[in-house]
PDB file of N, CA and C in Angstrom:
ATOM      1  N   MET A   1     103.405  69.016  94.687  1.00  0.00           N
ATOM      2  CA  MET A   1     103.795  69.261  93.269  1.00  0.00           C
ATOM      3  C   MET A   1     103.905  67.932  92.541  1.00  0.00           C
ATOM      4  N   THR A   2     103.195  68.034  91.364  1.00  0.00           N
ATOM      5  CA  THR A   2     103.136  66.808  90.611  1.00  0.00           C
ATOM      6  C   THR A   2     103.857  67.169  89.238  1.00  0.00           C
ATOM      7  N   LEU A   3     104.983  66.390  88.870  1.00  0.00           N
ATOM      8  CA  LEU A   3     105.657  66.476  87.730  1.00  0.00           C
ATOM      9  C   LEU A   3     105.445  65.406  86.714  1.00  0.00           C
ATOM     10  N   THR A   4     105.137  65.546  85.386  1.00  0.00           N
ATOM     11  CA  THR A   4     105.247  64.447  84.641  1.00  0.00           C
ATOM     12  C   THR A   4     106.631  64.150  83.857  1.00  0.00           C
ATOM     13  N   GLY A   5     106.594  63.096  83.144  1.00  0.00           N
ATOM     14  CA  GLY A   5     108.005  62.821  82.496  1.00  0.00           C
ATOM     15  C   GLY A   5     108.571  63.759  81.853  1.00  0.00           C
ATOM     16  N   LYS A   6     107.956  64.777  81.334  1.00  0.00           N
ATOM     17  CA  LYS A   6     108.417  65.787  80.251  1.00  0.00           C
ATOM     18  C   LYS A   6     109.039  67.077  81.102  1.00  0.00           C
ATOM     19  N   HIS A   7     108.742  66.929  82.454  1.00  0.00           N
ATOM     20  CA  HIS A   7     109.244  68.074  83.183  1.00  0.00           C
ATOM     21  C   HIS A   7     110.503  67.649  84.164  1.00  0.00           C
ATOM     22  N   PRO A   8     111.439  68.574  84.132  1.00  0.00           N
ATOM     23  CA  PRO A   8     112.689  68.228  84.702  1.00  0.00           C
ATOM     24  C   PRO A   8     112.363  68.009  86.396  1.00  0.00           C
ATOM     25  N   ALA A   9     113.121  67.084  86.961  1.00  0.00           N
ATOM     26  CA  ALA A   9     112.734  66.875  88.470  1.00  0.00           C
ATOM     27  C   ALA A   9     113.544  68.064  89.255  1.00  0.00           C
ATOM     28  N   HIS A  10     114.425  68.521  88.694  1.00  0.00           N
ATOM     29  CA  HIS A  10     115.464  69.507  89.368  1.00  0.00           C
ATOM     30  C   HIS A  10     115.663  70.769  88.375  1.00  0.00           C
ATOM     31  N   GLY A  11     114.754  71.334  88.184  1.00  0.00           N
ATOM     32  CA  GLY A  11     114.749  72.512  87.192  1.00  0.00           C
ATOM     33  C   GLY A  11     114.773  73.855  88.013  1.00  0.00           C
ATOM     34  N   ALA A  12     114.530  74.882  87.273  1.00  0.00           N
ATOM     35  CA  ALA A  12     114.558  76.288  87.749  1.00  0.00           C
ATOM     36  C   ALA A  12     113.453  76.542  88.832  1.00  0.00           C
ATOM     37  N   ALA A  13     112.223  75.798  88.494  1.00  0.00           N
ATOM     38  CA  ALA A  13     111.130  75.836  89.711  1.00  0.00           C
ATOM     39  C   ALA A  13     111.535  75.358  91.013  1.00  0.00           C
ATOM     40  N   GLN A  14     112.321  74.214  90.916  1.00  0.00           N
ATOM     41  CA  GLN A  14     112.695  73.627  92.189  1.00  0.00           C
ATOM     42  C   GLN A  14     113.740  74.615  92.826  1.00  0.00           C
ATOM     43  N   ARG A  15     114.571  75.307  92.200  1.00  0.00           N
ATOM     44  CA  ARG A  15     115.569  76.095  92.583  1.00  0.00           C
ATOM     45  C   ARG A  15     114.935  77.483  93.357  1.00  0.00           C
ATOM     46  N   ILE A  16     113.730  77.821  92.716  1.00  0.00           N
ATOM     47  CA  ILE A  16     113.139  79.087  93.330  1.00  0.00           C
ATOM     48  C   ILE A  16     112.139  78.648  94.333  1.00  0.00           C
ATOM     49  N   GLU A  17     111.598  77.507  94.362  1.00  0.00           N
ATOM     50  CA  GLU A  17     110.676  77.042  95.335  1.00  0.00           C
ATOM     51  C   GLU A  17     110.852  77.440  96.719  1.00  0.00           C
ATOM     52  N   PRO A  18     111.977  77.120  97.282  1.00  0.00           N
ATOM     53  CA  PRO A  18     112.242  77.525  98.823  1.00  0.00           C
ATOM     54  C   PRO A  18     111.985  78.924  98.897  1.00  0.00           C
ATOM     55  N   LEU A  19     112.549  79.796  98.144  1.00  0.00           N
ATOM     56  CA  LEU A  19     112.520  81.335  98.232  1.00  0.00           C
ATOM     57  C   LEU A  19     110.948  81.799  98.148  1.00  0.00           C
ATOM     58  N   ALA A  20     110.177  81.172  96.973  1.00  0.00           N
ATOM     59  CA  ALA A  20     108.952  81.547  97.037  1.00  0.00           C
ATOM     60  C   ALA A  20     108.033  81.095  98.135  1.00  0.00           C
ATOM     61  N   GLU A  21     108.342  80.043  98.862  1.00  0.00           N
ATOM     62  CA  GLU A  21     107.565  79.560  99.863  1.00  0.00           C
ATOM     63  C   GLU A  21     107.841  80.377 101.100  1.00  0.00           C
ATOM     64  N   GLN A  22     108.968  80.756 101.185  1.00  0.00           N
ATOM     65  CA  GLN A  22     109.558  81.777 102.462  1.00  0.00           C
ATOM     66  C   GLN A  22     108.853  83.003 102.214  1.00  0.00           C
ATOM     67  N   LEU A  23     108.671  83.584 101.021  1.00  0.00           N
ATOM     68  CA  LEU A  23     108.108  84.889 100.650  1.00  0.00           C
ATOM     69  C   LEU A  23     106.587  84.690 100.901  1.00  0.00           C
ATOM     70  N   PHE A  24     105.992  83.595 100.468  1.00  0.00           N
ATOM     71  CA  PHE A  24     104.463  83.558 100.763  1.00  0.00           C
ATOM     72  C   PHE A  24     104.002  82.749 102.022  1.00  0.00           C
ATOM     73  N   GLY A  25     105.024  82.453 102.714  1.00  0.00           N
ATOM     74  CA  GLY A  25     104.622  81.851 104.131  1.00  0.00           C
ATOM     75  C   GLY A  25     103.993  80.413 103.866  1.00  0.00           C
ATOM     76  N   GLY A  26     104.286  79.778 102.760  1.00  0.00           N
ATOM     77  CA  GLY A  26     103.675  78.440 102.387  1.00  0.00           C
ATOM     78  C   GLY A  26     103.740  78.320 100.955  1.00  0.00           C
ATOM     79  N   ARG A  27     102.978  77.194 100.618  1.00  0.00           N
ATOM     80  CA  ARG A  27     102.707  76.828  99.242  1.00  0.00           C
ATOM     81  C   ARG A  27     102.263  78.052  98.330  1.00  0.00           C
ATOM     82  N   LEU A  28     102.849  78.102  96.994  1.00  0.00           N
ATOM     83  CA  LEU A  28     102.346  79.152  96.366  1.00  0.00           C
ATOM     84  C   LEU A  28     100.760  78.770  95.869  1.00  0.00           C
ATOM     85  N   PRO A  29      99.851  79.863  95.881  1.00  0.00           N
ATOM     86  CA  PRO A  29      98.644  79.788  95.626  1.00  0.00           C
ATOM     87  C   PRO A  29      98.288  79.663  94.032  1.00  0.00           C
ATOM     88  N   VAL A  30      99.223  79.779  93.234  1.00  0.00           N
ATOM     89  CA  VAL A  30      99.255  79.598  91.855  1.00  0.00           C
ATOM     90  C   VAL A  30     100.347  78.561  91.368  1.00  0.00           C
ATOM     91  N   ARG A  31     100.190  78.081  90.239  1.00  0.00           N
ATOM     92  CA  ARG A  31     101.128  77.229  89.607  1.00  0.00           C
ATOM     93  C   ARG A  31     102.057  77.948  88.650  1.00  0.00           C
ATOM     94  N   VAL A  32     103.382  77.808  89.058  1.00  0.00           N
ATOM     95  CA  VAL A  32     104.343  78.431  88.159  1.00  0.00           C
ATOM     96  C   VAL A  32     105.196  77.371  87.151  1.00  0.00           C
ATOM     97  N   ARG A  33     105.249  77.687  85.842  1.00  0.00           N
ATOM     98  CA  ARG A  33     106.017  76.847  85.001  1.00  0.00           C
ATOM     99  C   ARG A  33     107.094  77.639  84.514  1.00  0.00           C
ATOM    100  N   MET A  34     108.342  77.197  84.725  1.00  0.00           N
ATOM    101  CA  MET A  34     109.364  77.944  84.236  1.00  0.00           C
ATOM    102  C   MET A  34     109.864  77.545  82.690  1.00  0.00           C
ATOM    103  N   TRP A  35     110.847  78.417  82.313  1.00  0.00           N
ATOM    104  CA  TRP A  35     111.319  78.257  80.888  1.00  0.00           C
ATOM    105  C   TRP A  35     111.884  76.851  80.492  1.00  0.00           C
ATOM    106  N   ASP A  36     112.202  76.165  81.402  1.00  0.00           N
ATOM    107  CA  ASP A  36     112.655  74.720  81.340  1.00  0.00           C
ATOM    108  C   ASP A  36     111.692  73.704  81.548  1.00  0.00           C
ATOM    109  N   GLY A  37     110.532  74.006  81.698  1.00  0.00           N
ATOM    110  CA  GLY A  37     109.387  73.178  81.758  1.00  0.00           C
ATOM    111  C   GLY A  37     109.001  72.674  83.343  1.00  0.00           C
ATOM    112  N   SER A  38     110.011  73.026  84.183  1.00  0.00           N
ATOM    113  CA  SER A  38     109.641  72.743  85.563  1.00  0.00           C
ATOM    114  C   SER A  38     108.705  73.513  86.106  1.00  0.00           C
ATOM    115  N   GLU A  39     107.847  72.718  87.037  1.00  0.00           N
ATOM    116  CA  GLU A  39     106.734  73.469  87.725  1.00  0.00           C
ATOM    117  C   GLU A  39     106.558  73.329  89.227  1.00  0.00           C
ATOM    118  N   THR A  40     106.109  74.346  89.855  1.00  0.00           N
ATOM    119  CA  THR A  40     105.796  74.386  91.282  1.00  0.00           C
ATOM    120  C   THR A  40     104.731  75.132  91.498  1.00  0.00           C
ATOM    121  N   GLY A  41     104.222  74.818  92.783  1.00  0.00           N
ATOM    122  CA  GLY A  41     102.944  75.598  93.295  1.00  0.00           C
ATOM    123  C   GLY A  41     101.730  74.774  93.415  1.00  0.00           C
ATOM    124  N   ALA A  42     100.520  75.296  93.324  1.00  0.00           N
ATOM    125  CA  ALA A  42      99.151  74.734  93.396  1.00  0.00           C
ATOM    126  C   ALA A  42      98.959  73.994  92.217  1.00  0.00           C
ATOM    127  N   ALA A  43      98.716  72.942  92.251  1.00  0.00           N
ATOM    128  CA  ALA A  43      98.456  72.059  90.820  1.00  0.00           C
ATOM    129  C   ALA A  43      97.279  72.397  90.188  1.00  0.00           C
ATOM    130  N   ASP A  44      96.215  72.844  90.901  1.00  0.00           N
ATOM    131  CA  ASP A  44      94.931  73.248  90.379  1.00  0.00           C
ATOM    132  C   ASP A  44      94.681  74.657  90.302  1.00  0.00           C
ATOM    133  N   GLY A  45      95.934  75.451  90.499  1.00  0.00           N
ATOM    134  CA  GLY A  45      95.752  76.945  90.385  1.00  0.00           C
ATOM    135  C   GLY A  45      96.036  77.340  89.035  1.00  0.00           C
ATOM    136  N   PRO A  46      95.702  78.600  88.728  1.00  0.00           N
ATOM    137  CA  PRO A  46      96.074  79.231  87.380  1.00  0.00           C
ATOM    138  C   PRO A  46      97.434  79.094  87.160  1.00  0.00           C
ATOM    139  N   LEU A  47      97.901  79.093  85.980  1.00  0.00           N
ATOM    140  CA  LEU A  47      99.293  78.886  85.591  1.00  0.00           C
ATOM    141  C   LEU A  47      99.999  80.155  85.197  1.00  0.00           C
ATOM    142  N   ILE A  48     101.165  80.373  85.769  1.00  0.00           N
ATOM    143  CA  ILE A  48     101.988  81.494  85.344  1.00  0.00           C
ATOM    144  C   ILE A  48     103.090  80.982  84.673  1.00  0.00           C
ATOM    145  N   HIS A  49     103.293  81.247  83.379  1.00  0.00           N
ATOM    146  CA  HIS A  49     104.352  80.798  82.712  1.00  0.00           C
ATOM    147  C   HIS A  49     105.601  81.748  82.314  1.00  0.00           C
ATOM    148  N   VAL A  50     106.651  81.699  83.181  1.00  0.00           N
ATOM    149  CA  VAL A  50     107.783  82.328  83.147  1.00  0.00           C
ATOM    150  C   VAL A  50     108.553  81.965  82.032  1.00  0.00           C
ATOM    151  N   ARG A  51     108.625  82.844  81.001  1.00  0.00           N
ATOM    152  CA  ARG A  51     109.243  82.541  79.654  1.00  0.00           C
ATOM    153  C   ARG A  51     110.838  82.514  79.714  1.00  0.00           C
ATOM    154  N   GLY A  52     111.551  83.226  80.641  1.00  0.00           N
ATOM    155  CA  GLY A  52     112.881  83.279  80.478  1.00  0.00           C
ATOM    156  C   GLY A  52     113.564  83.894  81.869  1.00  0.00           C
ATOM    157  N   ARG A  53     114.855  83.714  81.955  1.00  0.00           N
ATOM    158  CA  ARG A  53     115.451  84.400  83.102  1.00  0.00           C
ATOM    159  C   ARG A  53     115.176  85.914  83.223  1.00  0.00           C
ATOM    160  N   ARG A  54     115.207  86.513  82.272  1.00  0.00           N
ATOM    161  CA  ARG A  54     114.724  87.955  82.096  1.00  0.00           C
ATOM    162  C   ARG A  54     113.353  88.034  82.879  1.00  0.00           C
ATOM    163  N   ALA A  55     112.447  87.394  82.748  1.00  0.00           N
ATOM    164  CA  ALA A  55     111.313  87.645  83.485  1.00  0.00           C
ATOM    165  C   ALA A  55     111.343  87.440  84.805  1.00  0.00           C
ATOM    166  N   LEU A  56     112.288  86.306  85.153  1.00  0.00           N
ATOM    167  CA  LEU A  56     112.529  85.968  86.666  1.00  0.00           C
ATOM    168  C   LEU A  56     113.286  87.309  87.278  1.00  0.00           C
ATOM    169  N   ARG A  57     114.109  87.773  86.660  1.00  0.00           N
ATOM    170  CA  ARG A  57     114.869  88.922  87.262  1.00  0.00           C
ATOM    171  C   ARG A  57     113.901  89.997  87.350  1.00  0.00           C
ATOM    172  N   ARG A  58     112.983  90.259  86.439  1.00  0.00           N
ATOM    173  CA  ARG A  58     112.041  91.420  86.515  1.00  0.00           C
ATOM    174  C   ARG A  58     111.129  91.381  87.656  1.00  0.00           C
ATOM    175  N   LEU A  59     110.798  90.015  88.000  1.00  0.00           N
ATOM    176  CA  LEU A  59     109.878  89.916  89.035  1.00  0.00           C
ATOM    177  C   LEU A  59     110.478  90.014  90.417  1.00  0.00           C
ATOM    178  N   LEU A  60     111.781  89.572  90.382  1.00  0.00           N
ATOM    179  CA  LEU A  60     112.524  89.543  91.597  1.00  0.00           C
ATOM    180  C   LEU A  60     112.959  91.000  91.849  1.00  0.00           C
ATOM    181  N   TRP A  61     113.191  91.636  90.910  1.00  0.00           N
ATOM    182  CA  TRP A  61     113.791  93.178  91.304  1.00  0.00           C
ATOM    183  C   TRP A  61     112.754  94.100  91.581  1.00  0.00           C
ATOM    184  N   GLU A  62     111.544  93.749  90.814  1.00  0.00           N
ATOM    185  CA  GLU A  62     110.228  94.703  91.072  1.00  0.00           C
ATOM    186  C   GLU A  62     109.211  93.579  91.427  1.00  0.00           C
ATOM    187  N   PRO A  63     109.233  93.189  92.649  1.00  0.00           N
ATOM    188  CA  PRO A  63     108.167  92.297  92.940  1.00  0.00           C
ATOM    189  C   PRO A  63     106.732  93.174  93.176  1.00  0.00           C
ATOM    190  N   GLY A  64     105.724  92.468  93.042  1.00  0.00           N
ATOM    191  CA  GLY A  64     104.241  93.154  93.168  1.00  0.00           C
ATOM    192  C   GLY A  64     103.746  93.395  91.936  1.00  0.00           C
ATOM    193  N   GLU A  65     102.811  94.247  91.870  1.00  0.00           N
ATOM    194  CA  GLU A  65     101.930  94.508  90.793  1.00  0.00           C
ATOM    195  C   GLU A  65     102.727  95.120  89.607  1.00  0.00           C
ATOM    196  N   LEU A  66     103.773  95.932  89.968  1.00  0.00           N
ATOM    197  CA  LEU A  66     104.369  96.753  88.825  1.00  0.00           C
ATOM    198  C   LEU A  66     105.322  95.684  88.053  1.00  0.00           C
ATOM    199  N   GLY A  67     106.098  94.992  88.746  1.00  0.00           N
ATOM    200  CA  GLY A  67     106.842  94.024  88.047  1.00  0.00           C
ATOM    201  C   GLY A  67     106.132  92.968  87.338  1.00  0.00           C
ATOM    202  N   LEU A  68     105.127  92.544  87.939  1.00  0.00           N
ATOM    203  CA  LEU A  68     104.141  91.482  87.175  1.00  0.00           C
ATOM    204  C   LEU A  68     103.527  92.032  85.977  1.00  0.00           C
ATOM    205  N   ALA A  69     103.079  93.445  86.048  1.00  0.00           N
ATOM    206  CA  ALA A  69     102.400  93.990  84.736  1.00  0.00           C
ATOM    207  C   ALA A  69     103.457  94.212  83.704  1.00  0.00           C
ATOM    208  N   GLU A  70     104.730  94.677  84.013  1.00  0.00           N
ATOM    209  CA  GLU A  70     105.781  95.131  83.045  1.00  0.00           C
ATOM    210  C   GLU A  70     106.210  93.757  82.445  1.00  0.00           C
ATOM    211  N   ALA A  71     106.326  92.570  83.234  1.00  0.00           N
ATOM    212  CA  ALA A  71     106.807  91.392  82.580  1.00  0.00           C
ATOM    213  C   ALA A  71     105.478  90.539  81.635  1.00  0.00           C
ATOM    214  N   TYR A  72     104.327  90.942  82.062  1.00  0.00           N
ATOM    215  CA  TYR A  72     103.231  90.679  81.223  1.00  0.00           C
ATOM    216  C   TYR A  72     103.070  91.396  80.010  1.00  0.00           C
ATOM    217  N   ILE A  73     103.175  92.727  79.940  1.00  0.00           N
ATOM    218  CA  ILE A  73     103.245  93.476  78.712  1.00  0.00           C
ATOM    219  C   ILE A  73     104.372  93.319  77.945  1.00  0.00           C
ATOM    220  N   ALA A  74     105.469  92.870  78.335  1.00  0.00           N
ATOM    221  CA  ALA A  74     106.659  92.557  77.609  1.00  0.00           C
ATOM    222  C   ALA A  74     106.616  91.278  76.980  1.00  0.00           C
ATOM    223  N   GLY A  75     105.695  90.416  77.397  1.00  0.00           N
ATOM    224  CA  GLY A  75     105.610  89.173  76.960  1.00  0.00           C
ATOM    225  C   GLY A  75     106.588  88.103  77.585  1.00  0.00           C
ATOM    226  N   ASP A  76     106.994  88.626  78.813  1.00  0.00           N
ATOM    227  CA  ASP A  76     108.109  87.565  79.603  1.00  0.00           C
ATOM    228  C   ASP A  76     107.325  86.612  80.408  1.00  0.00           C
ATOM    229  N   ILE A  77     105.961  86.830  80.608  1.00  0.00           N
ATOM    230  CA  ILE A  77     105.103  85.657  81.289  1.00  0.00           C
ATOM    231  C   ILE A  77     103.885  85.840  80.498  1.00  0.00           C
ATOM    232  N   ASP A  78     103.249  84.594  80.589  1.00  0.00           N
ATOM    233  CA  ASP A  78     101.931  84.191  80.287  1.00  0.00           C
ATOM    234  C   ASP A  78     101.214  83.898  81.436  1.00  0.00           C
ATOM    235  N   ILE A  79      99.845  84.131  81.364  1.00  0.00           N
ATOM    236  CA  ILE A  79      99.015  83.605  82.288  1.00  0.00           C
ATOM    237  C   ILE A  79      97.887  82.674  81.780  1.00  0.00           C
ATOM    238  N   GLU A  80      97.669  81.525  82.093  1.00  0.00           N
ATOM    239  CA  GLU A  80      96.706  80.591  81.711  1.00  0.00           C
ATOM    240  C   GLU A  80      95.754  80.404  82.552  1.00  0.00           C
ATOM    241  N   GLY A  81      94.383  80.350  82.431  1.00  0.00           N
ATOM    242  CA  GLY A  81      93.331  80.002  83.410  1.00  0.00           C
ATOM    243  C   GLY A  81      92.861  81.416  83.679  1.00  0.00           C
ATOM    244  N   ASP A  82      92.051  81.361  84.850  1.00  0.00           N
ATOM    245  CA  ASP A  82      91.301  82.639  85.203  1.00  0.00           C
ATOM    246  C   ASP A  82      92.140  83.574  85.961  1.00  0.00           C
ATOM    247  N   LEU A  83      92.565  84.537  85.120  1.00  0.00           N
ATOM    248  CA  LEU A  83      93.501  85.621  85.803  1.00  0.00           C
ATOM    249  C   LEU A  83      92.805  86.201  87.052  1.00  0.00           C
ATOM    250  N   ALA A  84      91.637  86.453  87.028  1.00  0.00           N
ATOM    251  CA  ALA A  84      91.021  87.118  88.279  1.00  0.00           C
ATOM    252  C   ALA A  84      91.004  86.171  89.482  1.00  0.00           C
ATOM    253  N   GLU A  85      90.776  84.897  89.231  1.00  0.00           N
ATOM    254  CA  GLU A  85      90.870  83.841  90.259  1.00  0.00           C
ATOM    255  C   GLU A  85      92.259  83.621  90.798  1.00  0.00           C
ATOM    256  N   GLY A  86      93.265  83.782  89.940  1.00  0.00           N
ATOM    257  CA  GLY A  86      94.720  83.800  90.379  1.00  0.00           C
ATOM    258  C   GLY A  86      95.018  84.951  91.235  1.00  0.00           C
ATOM    259  N   LEU A  87      94.518  86.050  90.834  1.00  0.00           N
ATOM    260  CA  LEU A  87      94.940  87.249  91.833  1.00  0.00           C
ATOM    261  C   LEU A  87      94.193  87.050  93.009  1.00  0.00           C
ATOM    262  N   ARG A  88      92.878  86.670  93.092  1.00  0.00           N
ATOM    263  CA  ARG A  88      92.124  86.401  94.280  1.00  0.00           C
ATOM    264  C   ARG A  88      92.810  85.440  95.214  1.00  0.00           C
ATOM    265  N   ALA A  89      93.331  84.410  94.651  1.00  0.00           N
ATOM    266  CA  ALA A  89      94.204  83.216  95.456  1.00  0.00           C
ATOM    267  C   ALA A  89      95.428  83.976  96.073  1.00  0.00           C
ATOM    268  N   VAL A  90      96.008  84.797  95.381  1.00  0.00           N
ATOM    269  CA  VAL A  90      97.432  85.535  95.810  1.00  0.00           C
ATOM    270  C   VAL A  90      96.914  86.378  97.012  1.00  0.00           C
ATOM    271  N   ARG A  91      95.850  87.258  96.909  1.00  0.00           N
ATOM    272  CA  ARG A  91      95.485  88.102  97.835  1.00  0.00           C
ATOM    273  C   ARG A  91      95.078  87.494  99.021  1.00  0.00           C
ATOM    274  N   ARG A  92      94.293  86.327  98.920  1.00  0.00           N
ATOM    275  CA  ARG A  92      93.742  85.512  99.909  1.00  0.00           C
ATOM    276  C   ARG A  92      94.902  85.092 100.696  1.00  0.00           C
ATOM    277  N   ALA A  93      95.813  84.380 100.117  1.00  0.00           N
ATOM    278  CA  ALA A  93      97.128  83.884 100.841  1.00  0.00           C
ATOM    279  C   ALA A  93      97.850  85.010 101.571  1.00  0.00           C
ATOM    280  N   VAL A  94      97.824  86.294 100.818  1.00  0.00           N
ATOM    281  CA  VAL A  94      98.545  87.349 101.748  1.00  0.00           C
ATOM    282  C   VAL A  94      97.871  87.641 102.923  1.00  0.00           C
ATOM    283  N   ARG A  95      96.424  87.819 102.709  1.00  0.00           N
ATOM    284  CA  ARG A  95      95.768  88.205 103.974  1.00  0.00           C
ATOM    285  C   ARG A  95      95.708  86.955 104.945  1.00  0.00           C
ATOM    286  N   GLU A  96      95.506  85.800 104.673  1.00  0.00           N
ATOM    287  CA  GLU A  96      95.357  84.809 105.671  1.00  0.00           C
ATOM    288  C   GLU A  96      96.610  84.524 106.521  1.00  0.00           C
ATOM    289  N   ARG A  97      97.750  84.556 105.686  1.00  0.00           N
ATOM    290  CA  ARG A  97      99.148  84.396 106.277  1.00  0.00           C
ATOM    291  C   ARG A  97      99.682  85.722 106.871  1.00  0.00           C
ATOM    292  N   GLY A  98      98.998  86.666 106.743  1.00  0.00           N
ATOM    293  CA  GLY A  98      99.521  88.108 107.338  1.00  0.00           C
ATOM    294  C   GLY A  98     100.858  88.527 106.816  1.00  0.00           C
ATOM    295  N   LEU A  99     101.023  88.207 105.532  1.00  0.00           N
ATOM    296  CA  LEU A  99     102.306  88.804 104.799  1.00  0.00           C
ATOM    297  C   LEU A  99     102.301  90.158 104.596  1.00  0.00           C
ATOM    298  N   ALA A 100     103.661  90.623 104.581  1.00  0.00           N
ATOM    299  CA  ALA A 100     103.942  91.993 104.096  1.00  0.00           C
ATOM    300  C   ALA A 100     104.987  92.110 103.326  1.00  0.00           C
ATOM    301  N   ALA A 101     105.435  93.038 102.705  1.00  0.00           N
ATOM    302  CA  ALA A 101     106.511  93.162 101.803  1.00  0.00           C
ATOM    303  C   ALA A 101     107.756  93.253 102.733  1.00  0.00           C
ATOM    304  N   PRO A 102     108.957  92.466 102.387  1.00  0.00           N
ATOM    305  CA  PRO A 102     110.016  92.486 103.384  1.00  0.00           C
ATOM    306  C   PRO A 102     110.624  93.926 103.617  1.00  0.00           C
ATOM    307  N   ARG A 103     110.928  94.176 104.773  1.00  0.00           N
ATOM    308  CA  ARG A 103     111.685  95.391 105.041  1.00  0.00           C
ATOM    309  C   ARG A 103     113.040  95.442 104.880  1.00  0.00           C
ATOM    310  N   PRO A 104     113.613  96.464 104.211  1.00  0.00           N
ATOM    311  CA  PRO A 104     114.952  96.495 103.948  1.00  0.00           C
ATOM    312  C   PRO A 104     115.771  96.765 105.270  1.00  0.00           C
ATOM    313  N   ARG A 105     116.950  96.073 105.276  1.00  0.00           N
ATOM    314  CA  ARG A 105     117.824  96.021 106.590  1.00  0.00           C
ATOM    315  C   ARG A 105     118.520  97.351 106.152  1.00  0.00           C
ATOM    316  N   LEU A 106     119.288  97.878 107.192  1.00  0.00           N
ATOM    317  CA  LEU A 106     120.034  99.291 107.061  1.00  0.00           C
ATOM    318  C   LEU A 106     121.172  98.852 106.171  1.00  0.00           C
ATOM    319  N   SER A 107     121.707  97.888 106.164  1.00  0.00           N
ATOM    320  CA  SER A 107     122.813  97.597 104.968  1.00  0.00           C
ATOM    321  C   SER A 107     122.261  97.661 103.843  1.00  0.00           C
ATOM    322  N   ASP A 108     121.118  97.173 103.636  1.00  0.00           N
ATOM    323  CA  ASP A 108     120.427  97.130 102.201  1.00  0.00           C
ATOM    324  C   ASP A 108     120.164  98.787 101.624  1.00  0.00           C
ATOM    325  N   ARG A 109     120.157  99.671 102.490  1.00  0.00           N
ATOM    326  CA  ARG A 109     119.875 101.098 102.206  1.00  0.00           C
ATOM    327  C   ARG A 109     121.096 101.869 102.068  1.00  0.00           C
ATOM    328  N   LEU A 110     122.136 101.133 102.337  1.00  0.00           N
ATOM    329  CA  LEU A 110     123.461 102.214 102.360  1.00  0.00           C
ATOM    330  C   LEU A 110     124.209 101.995 100.959  1.00  0.00           C
TER     331      LEU A 110
END
């Protein structure tokens, strides 16, 4: 991750980075810029700009295509760069890393 002087060294992106890397099994295949200007992910990947905490909540509570689509339509996120390439990068990372959606524990279902 490369940050310039205008990006906070310990912002929202750095707070979510460990969780995102755990979910993706490694570095994010896209670059994510949070509402405070902090960034994480692939420096050369398409940029997803998360505009506020509401967008982050939406993506966390409804991960996957539905949450992403709702956040995009609501204007909570913007995508810069080649959208198709960004989606291909995410799909490729999921396939190569053998990722699957987390399974809820019994206590989560009660």
